[in-house]
């Protein structure tokens, strides 16, 4: 897999590329925040189900998801 990077000349093409990159970053940020919330929910559920402290639950959940 190779990445093709190129520098665009200043102007509308550059602005369009910059806008697309910003939108991509914003989407990734939203996905990351959603994932963090899901992991936090899993940690809280593990704490309640198994009666363990947050650090132990975090370790177990992260181990299960490969983190």
C-alpha atoms as a PDB file:
ATOM      1  CA  UNK A   1       0.000   0.000   0.000  1.00  0.00           C
ATOM      2  CA  UNK A   2       1.499   3.325  -0.989  1.00  0.00           C
ATOM      3  CA  UNK A   3       0.377   6.805  -0.134  1.00  0.00           C
ATOM      4  CA  UNK A   4       0.401   9.369  -2.873  1.00  0.00           C
ATOM      5  CA  UNK A   5       1.128  12.780  -1.422  1.00  0.00           C
ATOM      6  CA  UNK A   6       1.386  15.869  -3.476  1.00  0.00           C
ATOM      7  CA  UNK A   7       1.539  19.594  -2.948  1.00  0.00           C
ATOM      8  CA  UNK A   8      -1.209  21.490  -4.663  1.00  0.00           C
ATOM      9  CA  UNK A   9      -0.731  25.027  -5.889  1.00  0.00           C
ATOM     10  CA  UNK A  10      -2.392  27.755  -3.879  1.00  0.00           C
ATOM     11  CA  UNK A  11      -5.888  28.494  -5.030  1.00  0.00           C
ATOM     12  CA  UNK A  12      -9.243  26.785  -5.046  1.00  0.00           C
ATOM     13  CA  UNK A  13      -7.772  23.278  -5.442  1.00  0.00           C
ATOM     14  CA  UNK A  14      -5.655  23.779  -2.318  1.00  0.00           C
ATOM     15  CA  UNK A  15      -8.610  25.187  -0.393  1.00  0.00           C
ATOM     16  CA  UNK A  16     -10.808  22.256  -1.440  1.00  0.00           C
ATOM     17  CA  UNK A  17      -8.145  19.751  -0.367  1.00  0.00           C
ATOM     18  CA  UNK A  18      -7.677  21.547   2.948  1.00  0.00           C
ATOM     19  CA  UNK A  19     -11.438  21.600   3.547  1.00  0.00           C
ATOM     20  CA  UNK A  20     -11.707  17.870   2.805  1.00  0.00           C
ATOM     21  CA  UNK A  21      -8.823  17.139   5.161  1.00  0.00           C
ATOM     22  CA  UNK A  22     -10.428  19.170   7.950  1.00  0.00           C
ATOM     23  CA  UNK A  23     -13.741  17.364   7.414  1.00  0.00           C
ATOM     24  CA  UNK A  24     -11.943  14.001   7.549  1.00  0.00           C
ATOM     25  CA  UNK A  25     -10.238  14.967  10.804  1.00  0.00           C
ATOM     26  CA  UNK A  26     -13.558  16.078  12.295  1.00  0.00           C
ATOM     27  CA  UNK A  27     -15.160  12.728  11.337  1.00  0.00           C
ATOM     28  CA  UNK A  28     -12.256  10.839  12.889  1.00  0.00           C
ATOM     29  CA  UNK A  29     -12.543  12.931  16.060  1.00  0.00           C
ATOM     30  CA  UNK A  30     -16.249  12.095  16.338  1.00  0.00           C
ATOM     31  CA  UNK A  31     -15.555   8.393  15.814  1.00  0.00           C
ATOM     32  CA  UNK A  32     -12.798   8.496  18.455  1.00  0.00           C
ATOM     33  CA  UNK A  33     -15.079  10.201  20.980  1.00  0.00           C
ATOM     34  CA  UNK A  34     -17.814   7.635  20.324  1.00  0.00           C
ATOM     35  CA  UNK A  35     -15.335   4.795  20.790  1.00  0.00           C
ATOM     36  CA  UNK A  36     -14.097   6.320  24.053  1.00  0.00           C
ATOM     37  CA  UNK A  37     -17.673   6.521  25.335  1.00  0.00           C
ATOM     38  CA  UNK A  38     -18.335   2.885  24.396  1.00  0.00           C
ATOM     39  CA  UNK A  39     -15.171   1.701  26.158  1.00  0.00           C
ATOM     40  CA  UNK A  40     -16.057   3.769  29.237  1.00  0.00           C
ATOM     41  CA  UNK A  41     -19.518   2.173  29.299  1.00  0.00           C
ATOM     42  CA  UNK A  42     -17.949  -1.285  29.023  1.00  0.00           C
ATOM     43  CA  UNK A  43     -15.574  -0.486  31.900  1.00  0.00           C
ATOM     44  CA  UNK A  44     -18.431   0.682  34.117  1.00  0.00           C
ATOM     45  CA  UNK A  45     -20.464  -2.429  33.295  1.00  0.00           C
ATOM     46  CA  UNK A  46     -17.481  -4.675  34.055  1.00  0.00           C
ATOM     47  CA  UNK A  47     -16.996  -2.915  37.393  1.00  0.00           C
ATOM     48  CA  UNK A  48     -20.618  -3.528  38.340  1.00  0.00           C
ATOM     49  CA  UNK A  49     -20.837  -7.117  37.097  1.00  0.00           C
ATOM     50  CA  UNK A  50     -17.593  -8.298  38.681  1.00  0.00           C
ATOM     51  CA  UNK A  51     -17.291  -5.957  41.659  1.00  0.00           C
ATOM     52  CA  UNK A  52     -13.823  -4.772  40.709  1.00  0.00           C
ATOM     53  CA  UNK A  53     -12.215  -1.347  40.818  1.00  0.00           C
ATOM     54  CA  UNK A  54     -12.019   0.867  37.739  1.00  0.00           C
ATOM     55  CA  UNK A  55      -8.348   0.150  37.025  1.00  0.00           C
ATOM     56  CA  UNK A  56      -8.900  -3.619  37.040  1.00  0.00           C
ATOM     57  CA  UNK A  57     -12.006  -3.274  34.879  1.00  0.00           C
ATOM     58  CA  UNK A  58     -10.135  -0.984  32.459  1.00  0.00           C
ATOM     59  CA  UNK A  59      -7.318  -3.507  32.190  1.00  0.00           C
ATOM     60  CA  UNK A  60      -9.738  -6.373  31.515  1.00  0.00           C
ATOM     61  CA  UNK A  61     -11.746  -4.448  28.907  1.00  0.00           C
ATOM     62  CA  UNK A  62      -8.637  -3.130  27.147  1.00  0.00           C
ATOM     63  CA  UNK A  63      -7.126  -6.625  27.130  1.00  0.00           C
ATOM     64  CA  UNK A  64     -10.311  -8.016  25.599  1.00  0.00           C
ATOM     65  CA  UNK A  65     -10.328  -5.431  22.806  1.00  0.00           C
ATOM     66  CA  UNK A  66      -6.620  -5.782  22.117  1.00  0.00           C
ATOM     67  CA  UNK A  67      -5.636  -2.406  23.557  1.00  0.00           C
END
